[in-house]
Amino acid sequence: MNRYDKAFKEEAVRLSDEIGIKNASEQLGVTYYTLQGWRKQRTLHGDGAHIGSGRAYASTDKTAREIELEKEIGELRRANEILKDALGFFAKDRKR
């Protein structure tokens, strides 16, 4: 699976506006449907579209701190699950 950066996607969409999707896809070596999807993303998300490989749009609502906190919350939840499992293991051992 090919991954394309934001600049390439934006240029490809601009070219497809000028010469059409079919011609642009042939010229760039990108499938027709991939280019069509990029155009749709641009229509739906505007400037937030094409933030990089594998993402459809930018999450402009979240700050870097919020993203960092969400990661930390995920790590803490995983740690809690491990502790719960360990508590169950030791509690079962004490019943003997």
PDB file of N, CA and C in Angstrom:
ATOM      1  N   MET A   1       0.842  -1.177   0.000  1.00  0.00           N
ATOM      2  CA  MET A   1       0.000   0.000   0.000  1.00  0.00           C
ATOM      3  C   MET A   1       0.891   1.245   0.000  1.00  0.00           C
ATOM      4  N   ASN A   2       0.665   2.124  -0.915  1.00  0.00           N
ATOM      5  CA  ASN A   2       1.457   3.353  -0.999  1.00  0.00           C
ATOM      6  C   ASN A   2       0.931   4.390  -0.025  1.00  0.00           C
ATOM      7  N   ARG A   3       1.847   5.195   0.494  1.00  0.00           N
ATOM      8  CA  ARG A   3       1.480   6.300   1.374  1.00  0.00           C
ATOM      9  C   ARG A   3       2.026   7.578   0.744  1.00  0.00           C
ATOM     10  N   TYR A   4       1.210   8.600   0.765  1.00  0.00           N
ATOM     11  CA  TYR A   4       1.591   9.859   0.144  1.00  0.00           C
ATOM     12  C   TYR A   4       1.525  10.974   1.181  1.00  0.00           C
ATOM     13  N   ASP A   5       2.445  11.927   1.075  1.00  0.00           N
ATOM     14  CA  ASP A   5       2.433  13.026   2.024  1.00  0.00           C
ATOM     15  C   ASP A   5       1.410  14.083   1.620  1.00  0.00           C
ATOM     16  N   LYS A   6       1.187  15.017   2.526  1.00  0.00           N
ATOM     17  CA  LYS A   6       0.167  16.050   2.339  1.00  0.00           C
ATOM     18  C   LYS A   6       0.406  16.871   1.070  1.00  0.00           C
ATOM     19  N   ALA A   7       1.637  17.276   0.850  1.00  0.00           N
ATOM     20  CA  ALA A   7       1.952  18.123  -0.312  1.00  0.00           C
ATOM     21  C   ALA A   7       1.625  17.403  -1.619  1.00  0.00           C
ATOM     22  N   PHE A   8       1.975  16.118  -1.696  1.00  0.00           N
ATOM     23  CA  PHE A   8       1.686  15.357  -2.908  1.00  0.00           C
ATOM     24  C   PHE A   8       0.183  15.269  -3.142  1.00  0.00           C
ATOM     25  N   LYS A   9      -0.568  14.981  -2.084  1.00  0.00           N
ATOM     26  CA  LYS A   9      -2.021  14.858  -2.211  1.00  0.00           C
ATOM     27  C   LYS A   9      -2.640  16.169  -2.679  1.00  0.00           C
ATOM     28  N   GLU A  10      -2.197  17.278  -2.079  1.00  0.00           N
ATOM     29  CA  GLU A  10      -2.751  18.582  -2.457  1.00  0.00           C
ATOM     30  C   GLU A  10      -2.439  18.920  -3.911  1.00  0.00           C
ATOM     31  N   GLU A  11      -1.209  18.655  -4.333  1.00  0.00           N
ATOM     32  CA  GLU A  11      -0.832  18.913  -5.724  1.00  0.00           C
ATOM     33  C   GLU A  11      -1.612  18.005  -6.683  1.00  0.00           C
ATOM     34  N   ALA A  12      -1.793  16.751  -6.297  1.00  0.00           N
ATOM     35  CA  ALA A  12      -2.536  15.811  -7.138  1.00  0.00           C
ATOM     36  C   ALA A  12      -3.981  16.264  -7.300  1.00  0.00           C
ATOM     37  N   VAL A  13      -4.582  16.745  -6.231  1.00  0.00           N
ATOM     38  CA  VAL A  13      -5.967  17.218  -6.300  1.00  0.00           C
ATOM     39  C   VAL A  13      -6.058  18.467  -7.174  1.00  0.00           C
ATOM     40  N   ARG A  14      -5.090  19.381  -7.024  1.00  0.00           N
ATOM     41  CA  ARG A  14      -5.084  20.581  -7.876  1.00  0.00           C
ATOM     42  C   ARG A  14      -4.945  20.206  -9.351  1.00  0.00           C
ATOM     43  N   LEU A  15      -4.038  19.266  -9.632  1.00  0.00           N
ATOM     44  CA  LEU A  15      -3.856  18.824 -11.011  1.00  0.00           C
ATOM     45  C   LEU A  15      -5.128  18.181 -11.546  1.00  0.00           C
ATOM     46  N   SER A  16      -5.798  17.392 -10.720  1.00  0.00           N
ATOM     47  CA  SER A  16      -7.033  16.747 -11.169  1.00  0.00           C
ATOM     48  C   SER A  16      -8.126  17.771 -11.429  1.00  0.00           C
ATOM     49  N   ASP A  17      -8.091  18.893 -10.730  1.00  0.00           N
ATOM     50  CA  ASP A  17      -9.042  19.973 -11.008  1.00  0.00           C
ATOM     51  C   ASP A  17      -8.794  20.553 -12.398  1.00  0.00           C
ATOM     52  N   GLU A  18      -7.520  20.645 -12.756  1.00  0.00           N
ATOM     53  CA  GLU A  18      -7.150  21.257 -14.031  1.00  0.00           C
ATOM     54  C   GLU A  18      -7.356  20.332 -15.226  1.00  0.00           C
ATOM     55  N   ILE A  19      -6.897  19.077 -15.103  1.00  0.00           N
ATOM     56  CA  ILE A  19      -6.922  18.197 -16.285  1.00  0.00           C
ATOM     57  C   ILE A  19      -7.858  17.004 -16.146  1.00  0.00           C
ATOM     58  N   GLY A  20      -8.535  16.900 -15.023  1.00  0.00           N
ATOM     59  CA  GLY A  20      -9.468  15.808 -14.808  1.00  0.00           C
ATOM     60  C   GLY A  20      -8.850  14.670 -14.007  1.00  0.00           C
ATOM     61  N   ILE A  21      -9.714  13.929 -13.349  1.00  0.00           N
ATOM     62  CA  ILE A  21      -9.240  12.865 -12.463  1.00  0.00           C
ATOM     63  C   ILE A  21      -8.532  11.768 -13.249  1.00  0.00           C
ATOM     64  N   LYS A  22      -9.128  11.358 -14.352  1.00  0.00           N
ATOM     65  CA  LYS A  22      -8.558  10.241 -15.119  1.00  0.00           C
ATOM     66  C   LYS A  22      -7.158  10.580 -15.626  1.00  0.00           C
ATOM     67  N   ASN A  23      -6.999  11.739 -16.247  1.00  0.00           N
ATOM     68  CA  ASN A  23      -5.696  12.135 -16.780  1.00  0.00           C
ATOM     69  C   ASN A  23      -4.661  12.326 -15.668  1.00  0.00           C
ATOM     70  N   ALA A  24      -5.077  12.947 -14.568  1.00  0.00           N
ATOM     71  CA  ALA A  24      -4.156  13.177 -13.454  1.00  0.00           C
ATOM     72  C   ALA A  24      -3.718  11.849 -12.828  1.00  0.00           C
ATOM     73  N   SER A  25      -4.656  10.918 -12.679  1.00  0.00           N
ATOM     74  CA  SER A  25      -4.297   9.634 -12.072  1.00  0.00           C
ATOM     75  C   SER A  25      -3.321   8.866 -12.955  1.00  0.00           C
ATOM     76  N   GLU A  26      -3.517   8.919 -14.272  1.00  0.00           N
ATOM     77  CA  GLU A  26      -2.594   8.253 -15.195  1.00  0.00           C
ATOM     78  C   GLU A  26      -1.221   8.921 -15.164  1.00  0.00           C
ATOM     79  N   GLN A  27      -1.204  10.242 -15.133  1.00  0.00           N
ATOM     80  CA  GLN A  27       0.053  10.991 -15.152  1.00  0.00           C
ATOM     81  C   GLN A  27       0.854  10.782 -13.863  1.00  0.00           C
ATOM     82  N   LEU A  28       0.166  10.702 -12.737  1.00  0.00           N
ATOM     83  CA  LEU A  28       0.845  10.594 -11.444  1.00  0.00           C
ATOM     84  C   LEU A  28       1.085   9.148 -11.004  1.00  0.00           C
ATOM     85  N   GLY A  29       0.425   8.205 -11.650  1.00  0.00           N
ATOM     86  CA  GLY A  29       0.564   6.808 -11.260  1.00  0.00           C
ATOM     87  C   GLY A  29      -0.220   6.470 -10.000  1.00  0.00           C
ATOM     88  N   VAL A  30      -1.284   7.199  -9.770  1.00  0.00           N
ATOM     89  CA  VAL A  30      -2.167   6.981  -8.624  1.00  0.00           C
ATOM     90  C   VAL A  30      -3.481   6.436  -9.180  1.00  0.00           C
ATOM     91  N   THR A  31      -4.087   5.500  -8.461  1.00  0.00           N
ATOM     92  CA  THR A  31      -5.346   4.962  -8.983  1.00  0.00           C
ATOM     93  C   THR A  31      -6.424   6.034  -9.017  1.00  0.00           C
ATOM     94  N   TYR A  32      -7.344   5.853  -9.931  1.00  0.00           N
ATOM     95  CA  TYR A  32      -8.453   6.788 -10.121  1.00  0.00           C
ATOM     96  C   TYR A  32      -9.224   6.966  -8.821  1.00  0.00           C
ATOM     97  N   TYR A  33      -9.529   5.850  -8.162  1.00  0.00           N
ATOM     98  CA  TYR A  33     -10.362   5.908  -6.960  1.00  0.00           C
ATOM     99  C   TYR A  33      -9.645   6.534  -5.770  1.00  0.00           C
ATOM    100  N   THR A  34      -8.334   6.393  -5.719  1.00  0.00           N
ATOM    101  CA  THR A  34      -7.562   7.052  -4.662  1.00  0.00           C
ATOM    102  C   THR A  34      -7.648   8.559  -4.829  1.00  0.00           C
ATOM    103  N   LEU A  35      -7.428   9.013  -6.028  1.00  0.00           N
ATOM    104  CA  LEU A  35      -7.488  10.449  -6.320  1.00  0.00           C
ATOM    105  C   LEU A  35      -8.901  10.985  -6.099  1.00  0.00           C
ATOM    106  N   GLN A  36      -9.875  10.216  -6.482  1.00  0.00           N
ATOM    107  CA  GLN A  36     -11.267  10.610  -6.265  1.00  0.00           C
ATOM    108  C   GLN A  36     -11.550  10.748  -4.760  1.00  0.00           C
ATOM    109  N   GLY A  37     -11.006   9.830  -3.956  1.00  0.00           N
ATOM    110  CA  GLY A  37     -11.168   9.894  -2.505  1.00  0.00           C
ATOM    111  C   GLY A  37     -10.529  11.137  -1.915  1.00  0.00           C
ATOM    112  N   TRP A  38      -9.351  11.498  -2.415  1.00  0.00           N
ATOM    113  CA  TRP A  38      -8.689  12.714  -1.935  1.00  0.00           C
ATOM    114  C   TRP A  38      -9.521  13.948  -2.241  1.00  0.00           C
ATOM    115  N   ARG A  39     -10.117  13.960  -3.417  1.00  0.00           N
ATOM    116  CA  ARG A  39     -10.977  15.100  -3.778  1.00  0.00           C
ATOM    117  C   ARG A  39     -12.183  15.177  -2.852  1.00  0.00           C
ATOM    118  N   LYS A  40     -12.733  14.008  -2.517  1.00  0.00           N
ATOM    119  CA  LYS A  40     -13.885  13.972  -1.613  1.00  0.00           C
ATOM    120  C   LYS A  40     -13.488  14.461  -0.224  1.00  0.00           C
ATOM    121  N   GLN A  41     -12.307  14.050   0.242  1.00  0.00           N
ATOM    122  CA  GLN A  41     -11.816  14.513   1.543  1.00  0.00           C
ATOM    123  C   GLN A  41     -11.687  16.029   1.563  1.00  0.00           C
ATOM    124  N   ARG A  42     -11.170  16.579   0.478  1.00  0.00           N
ATOM    125  CA  ARG A  42     -11.021  18.033   0.401  1.00  0.00           C
ATOM    126  C   ARG A  42     -12.375  18.716   0.468  1.00  0.00           C
ATOM    127  N   THR A  43     -13.362  18.140  -0.203  1.00  0.00           N
ATOM    128  CA  THR A  43     -14.707  18.717  -0.189  1.00  0.00           C
ATOM    129  C   THR A  43     -15.315  18.663   1.208  1.00  0.00           C
ATOM    130  N   LEU A  44     -15.141  17.529   1.879  1.00  0.00           N
ATOM    131  CA  LEU A  44     -15.740  17.352   3.206  1.00  0.00           C
ATOM    132  C   LEU A  44     -15.019  18.112   4.302  1.00  0.00           C
ATOM    133  N   HIS A  45     -13.679  18.158   4.246  1.00  0.00           N
ATOM    134  CA  HIS A  45     -12.896  18.681   5.364  1.00  0.00           C
ATOM    135  C   HIS A  45     -12.121  19.953   5.062  1.00  0.00           C
ATOM    136  N   GLY A  46     -12.142  20.420   3.845  1.00  0.00           N
ATOM    137  CA  GLY A  46     -11.475  21.669   3.503  1.00  0.00           C
ATOM    138  C   GLY A  46      -9.994  21.647   3.803  1.00  0.00           C
ATOM    139  N   ASP A  47      -9.527  22.660   4.539  1.00  0.00           N
ATOM    140  CA  ASP A  47      -8.104  22.778   4.859  1.00  0.00           C
ATOM    141  C   ASP A  47      -7.603  21.667   5.778  1.00  0.00           C
ATOM    142  N   GLY A  48      -8.496  21.003   6.483  1.00  0.00           N
ATOM    143  CA  GLY A  48      -8.097  19.926   7.380  1.00  0.00           C
ATOM    144  C   GLY A  48      -7.839  18.612   6.678  1.00  0.00           C
ATOM    145  N   ALA A  49      -8.126  18.539   5.391  1.00  0.00           N
ATOM    146  CA  ALA A  49      -7.929  17.294   4.650  1.00  0.00           C
ATOM    147  C   ALA A  49      -6.452  17.065   4.370  1.00  0.00           C
ATOM    148  N   HIS A  50      -6.094  15.803   4.157  1.00  0.00           N
ATOM    149  CA  HIS A  50      -4.749  15.411   3.712  1.00  0.00           C
ATOM    150  C   HIS A  50      -3.655  15.802   4.695  1.00  0.00           C
ATOM    151  N   ILE A  51      -3.830  15.527   5.972  1.00  0.00           N
ATOM    152  CA  ILE A  51      -2.785  15.913   6.914  1.00  0.00           C
ATOM    153  C   ILE A  51      -1.556  15.033   6.819  1.00  0.00           C
ATOM    154  N   GLY A  52      -1.644  13.940   6.115  1.00  0.00           N
ATOM    155  CA  GLY A  52      -0.489  13.061   5.961  1.00  0.00           C
ATOM    156  C   GLY A  52      -0.929  11.670   5.595  1.00  0.00           C
ATOM    157  N   SER A  53      -0.029  10.757   5.641  1.00  0.00           N
ATOM    158  CA  SER A  53      -0.316   9.400   5.240  1.00  0.00           C
ATOM    159  C   SER A  53      -1.333   8.742   6.157  1.00  0.00           C
ATOM    160  N   GLY A  54      -2.344   8.162   5.548  1.00  0.00           N
ATOM    161  CA  GLY A  54      -3.264   7.327   6.292  1.00  0.00           C
ATOM    162  C   GLY A  54      -4.323   8.036   7.103  1.00  0.00           C
ATOM    163  N   ARG A  55      -4.412   9.323   7.056  1.00  0.00           N
ATOM    164  CA  ARG A  55      -5.432  10.042   7.805  1.00  0.00           C
ATOM    165  C   ARG A  55      -6.295  10.845   6.862  1.00  0.00           C
ATOM    166  N   ALA A  56      -7.571  10.816   7.124  1.00  0.00           N
ATOM    167  CA  ALA A  56      -8.505  11.482   6.229  1.00  0.00           C
ATOM    168  C   ALA A  56      -8.595  12.983   6.488  1.00  0.00           C
ATOM    169  N   TYR A  57      -8.499  13.393   7.748  1.00  0.00           N
ATOM    170  CA  TYR A  57      -8.649  14.804   8.053  1.00  0.00           C
ATOM    171  C   TYR A  57      -7.945  15.138   9.360  1.00  0.00           C
ATOM    172  N   ALA A  58      -7.710  16.393   9.554  1.00  0.00           N
ATOM    173  CA  ALA A  58      -7.026  16.843  10.767  1.00  0.00           C
ATOM    174  C   ALA A  58      -8.024  17.019  11.893  1.00  0.00           C
ATOM    175  N   SER A  59      -7.598  16.699  13.064  1.00  0.00           N
ATOM    176  CA  SER A  59      -8.424  16.937  14.237  1.00  0.00           C
ATOM    177  C   SER A  59      -8.046  18.305  14.782  1.00  0.00           C
ATOM    178  N   THR A  60      -8.706  19.332  14.312  1.00  0.00           N
ATOM    179  CA  THR A  60      -8.371  20.691  14.705  1.00  0.00           C
ATOM    180  C   THR A  60      -8.950  21.040  16.064  1.00  0.00           C
ATOM    181  N   ASP A  61      -9.812  20.170  16.608  1.00  0.00           N
ATOM    182  CA  ASP A  61     -10.445  20.453  17.879  1.00  0.00           C
ATOM    183  C   ASP A  61      -9.536  20.132  19.062  1.00  0.00           C
ATOM    184  N   LYS A  62      -8.544  19.274  18.895  1.00  0.00           N
ATOM    185  CA  LYS A  62      -7.711  18.838  20.006  1.00  0.00           C
ATOM    186  C   LYS A  62      -6.341  19.514  19.969  1.00  0.00           C
ATOM    187  N   THR A  63      -5.926  19.971  21.122  1.00  0.00           N
ATOM    188  CA  THR A  63      -4.590  20.550  21.235  1.00  0.00           C
ATOM    189  C   THR A  63      -3.583  19.435  21.484  1.00  0.00           C
ATOM    190  N   ALA A  64      -2.326  19.762  21.393  1.00  0.00           N
ATOM    191  CA  ALA A  64      -1.271  18.773  21.641  1.00  0.00           C
ATOM    192  C   ALA A  64      -1.353  18.265  23.076  1.00  0.00           C
ATOM    193  N   ARG A  65      -1.692  19.121  24.002  1.00  0.00           N
ATOM    194  CA  ARG A  65      -1.816  18.719  25.406  1.00  0.00           C
ATOM    195  C   ARG A  65      -2.961  17.727  25.587  1.00  0.00           C
ATOM    196  N   GLU A  66      -4.081  17.960  24.909  1.00  0.00           N
ATOM    197  CA  GLU A  66      -5.218  17.044  25.006  1.00  0.00           C
ATOM    198  C   GLU A  66      -4.863  15.665  24.453  1.00  0.00           C
ATOM    199  N   ILE A  67      -4.135  15.636  23.368  1.00  0.00           N
ATOM    200  CA  ILE A  67      -3.711  14.368  22.779  1.00  0.00           C
ATOM    201  C   ILE A  67      -2.773  13.642  23.735  1.00  0.00           C
ATOM    202  N   GLU A  68      -1.849  14.396  24.336  1.00  0.00           N
ATOM    203  CA  GLU A  68      -0.917  13.821  25.309  1.00  0.00           C
ATOM    204  C   GLU A  68      -1.669  13.238  26.505  1.00  0.00           C
ATOM    205  N   LEU A  69      -2.672  13.972  26.990  1.00  0.00           N
ATOM    206  CA  LEU A  69      -3.454  13.499  28.132  1.00  0.00           C
ATOM    207  C   LEU A  69      -4.256  12.253  27.788  1.00  0.00           C
ATOM    208  N   GLU A  70      -4.793  12.177  26.573  1.00  0.00           N
ATOM    209  CA  GLU A  70      -5.530  10.989  26.149  1.00  0.00           C
ATOM    210  C   GLU A  70      -4.619   9.759  26.117  1.00  0.00           C
ATOM    211  N   LYS A  71      -3.390   9.937  25.658  1.00  0.00           N
ATOM    212  CA  LYS A  71      -2.431   8.828  25.668  1.00  0.00           C
ATOM    213  C   LYS A  71      -2.145   8.381  27.097  1.00  0.00           C
ATOM    214  N   GLU A  72      -1.958   9.353  27.971  1.00  0.00           N
ATOM    215  CA  GLU A  72      -1.679   9.038  29.367  1.00  0.00           C
ATOM    216  C   GLU A  72      -2.856   8.305  30.013  1.00  0.00           C
ATOM    217  N   ILE A  73      -4.063   8.729  29.706  1.00  0.00           N
ATOM    218  CA  ILE A  73      -5.258   8.056  30.225  1.00  0.00           C
ATOM    219  C   ILE A  73      -5.292   6.606  29.756  1.00  0.00           C
ATOM    220  N   GLY A  74      -4.967   6.373  28.504  1.00  0.00           N
ATOM    221  CA  GLY A  74      -4.936   5.009  27.976  1.00  0.00           C
ATOM    222  C   GLY A  74      -3.921   4.145  28.698  1.00  0.00           C
ATOM    223  N   GLU A  75      -2.747   4.700  28.946  1.00  0.00           N
ATOM    224  CA  GLU A  75      -1.708   3.962  29.664  1.00  0.00           C
ATOM    225  C   GLU A  75      -2.161   3.640  31.093  1.00  0.00           C
ATOM    226  N   LEU A  76      -2.790   4.602  31.750  1.00  0.00           N
ATOM    227  CA  LEU A  76      -3.257   4.383  33.119  1.00  0.00           C
ATOM    228  C   LEU A  76      -4.368   3.333  33.167  1.00  0.00           C
ATOM    229  N   ARG A  77      -5.233   3.336  32.175  1.00  0.00           N
ATOM    230  CA  ARG A  77      -6.293   2.324  32.127  1.00  0.00           C
ATOM    231  C   ARG A  77      -5.700   0.927  31.953  1.00  0.00           C
ATOM    232  N   ARG A  78      -4.698   0.808  31.092  1.00  0.00           N
ATOM    233  CA  ARG A  78      -4.037  -0.495  30.909  1.00  0.00           C
ATOM    234  C   ARG A  78      -3.356  -0.937  32.198  1.00  0.00           C
ATOM    235  N   ALA A  79      -2.721  -0.004  32.893  1.00  0.00           N
ATOM    236  CA  ALA A  79      -2.065  -0.324  34.167  1.00  0.00           C
ATOM    237  C   ALA A  79      -3.097  -0.776  35.194  1.00  0.00           C
ATOM    238  N   ASN A  80      -4.254  -0.120  35.231  1.00  0.00           N
ATOM    239  CA  ASN A  80      -5.319  -0.521  36.161  1.00  0.00           C
ATOM    240  C   ASN A  80      -5.805  -1.933  35.864  1.00  0.00           C
ATOM    241  N   GLU A  81      -5.941  -2.284  34.602  1.00  0.00           N
ATOM    242  CA  GLU A  81      -6.374  -3.633  34.235  1.00  0.00           C
ATOM    243  C   GLU A  81      -5.356  -4.670  34.711  1.00  0.00           C
ATOM    244  N   ILE A  82      -4.088  -4.357  34.544  1.00  0.00           N
ATOM    245  CA  ILE A  82      -3.031  -5.274  35.004  1.00  0.00           C
ATOM    246  C   ILE A  82      -3.108  -5.436  36.514  1.00  0.00           C
ATOM    247  N   LEU A  83      -3.303  -4.333  37.229  1.00  0.00           N
ATOM    248  CA  LEU A  83      -3.398  -4.403  38.689  1.00  0.00           C
ATOM    249  C   LEU A  83      -4.629  -5.186  39.142  1.00  0.00           C
ATOM    250  N   LYS A  84      -5.742  -5.008  38.450  1.00  0.00           N
ATOM    251  CA  LYS A  84      -6.952  -5.768  38.784  1.00  0.00           C
ATOM    252  C   LYS A  84      -6.721  -7.259  38.594  1.00  0.00           C
ATOM    253  N   ASP A  85      -6.078  -7.626  37.485  1.00  0.00           N
ATOM    254  CA  ASP A  85      -5.771  -9.039  37.239  1.00  0.00           C
ATOM    255  C   ASP A  85      -4.847  -9.591  38.319  1.00  0.00           C
ATOM    256  N   ALA A  86      -3.848  -8.808  38.709  1.00  0.00           N
ATOM    257  CA  ALA A  86      -2.913  -9.247  39.743  1.00  0.00           C
ATOM    258  C   ALA A  86      -3.625  -9.393  41.087  1.00  0.00           C
ATOM    259  N   LEU A  87      -4.519  -8.467  41.397  1.00  0.00           N
ATOM    260  CA  LEU A  87      -5.273  -8.538  42.652  1.00  0.00           C
ATOM    261  C   LEU A  87      -6.110  -9.804  42.692  1.00  0.00           C
ATOM    262  N   GLY A  88      -6.751 -10.116  41.584  1.00  0.00           N
ATOM    263  CA  GLY A  88      -7.542 -11.343  41.508  1.00  0.00           C
ATOM    264  C   GLY A  88      -6.679 -12.571  41.683  1.00  0.00           C
ATOM    265  N   PHE A  89      -5.502 -12.573  41.109  1.00  0.00           N
ATOM    266  CA  PHE A  89      -4.586 -13.703  41.212  1.00  0.00           C
ATOM    267  C   PHE A  89      -4.161 -13.918  42.664  1.00  0.00           C
ATOM    268  N   PHE A  90      -3.754 -12.842  43.342  1.00  0.00           N
ATOM    269  CA  PHE A  90      -3.286 -12.956  44.723  1.00  0.00           C
ATOM    270  C   PHE A  90      -4.425 -13.249  45.686  1.00  0.00           C
ATOM    271  N   ALA A  91      -5.613 -12.694  45.424  1.00  0.00           N
ATOM    272  CA  ALA A  91      -6.767 -12.954  46.287  1.00  0.00           C
ATOM    273  C   ALA A  91      -7.147 -14.433  46.199  1.00  0.00           C
ATOM    274  N   LYS A  92      -7.080 -14.995  45.024  1.00  0.00           N
ATOM    275  CA  LYS A  92      -7.396 -16.416  44.847  1.00  0.00           C
ATOM    276  C   LYS A  92      -6.382 -17.267  45.585  1.00  0.00           C
ATOM    277  N   ASP A  93      -5.143 -16.839  45.594  1.00  0.00           N
ATOM    278  CA  ASP A  93      -4.070 -17.568  46.284  1.00  0.00           C
ATOM    279  C   ASP A  93      -4.263 -17.523  47.795  1.00  0.00           C
ATOM    280  N   ARG A  94      -4.786 -16.466  48.352  1.00  0.00           N
ATOM    281  CA  ARG A  94      -4.993 -16.310  49.802  1.00  0.00           C
ATOM    282  C   ARG A  94      -6.134 -17.180  50.318  1.00  0.00           C
ATOM    283  N   LYS A  95      -7.082 -17.533  49.442  1.00  0.00           N
ATOM    284  CA  LYS A  95      -8.238 -18.316  49.867  1.00  0.00           C
ATOM    285  C   LYS A  95      -7.847 -19.753  50.204  1.00  0.00           C
ATOM    286  N   ARG A  96      -6.729 -20.204  49.769  1.00  0.00           N
ATOM    287  CA  ARG A  96      -6.308 -21.589  50.002  1.00  0.00           C
ATOM    288  C   ARG A  96      -5.935 -21.864  51.399  1.00  0.00           C
TER     289      ARG A  96
END
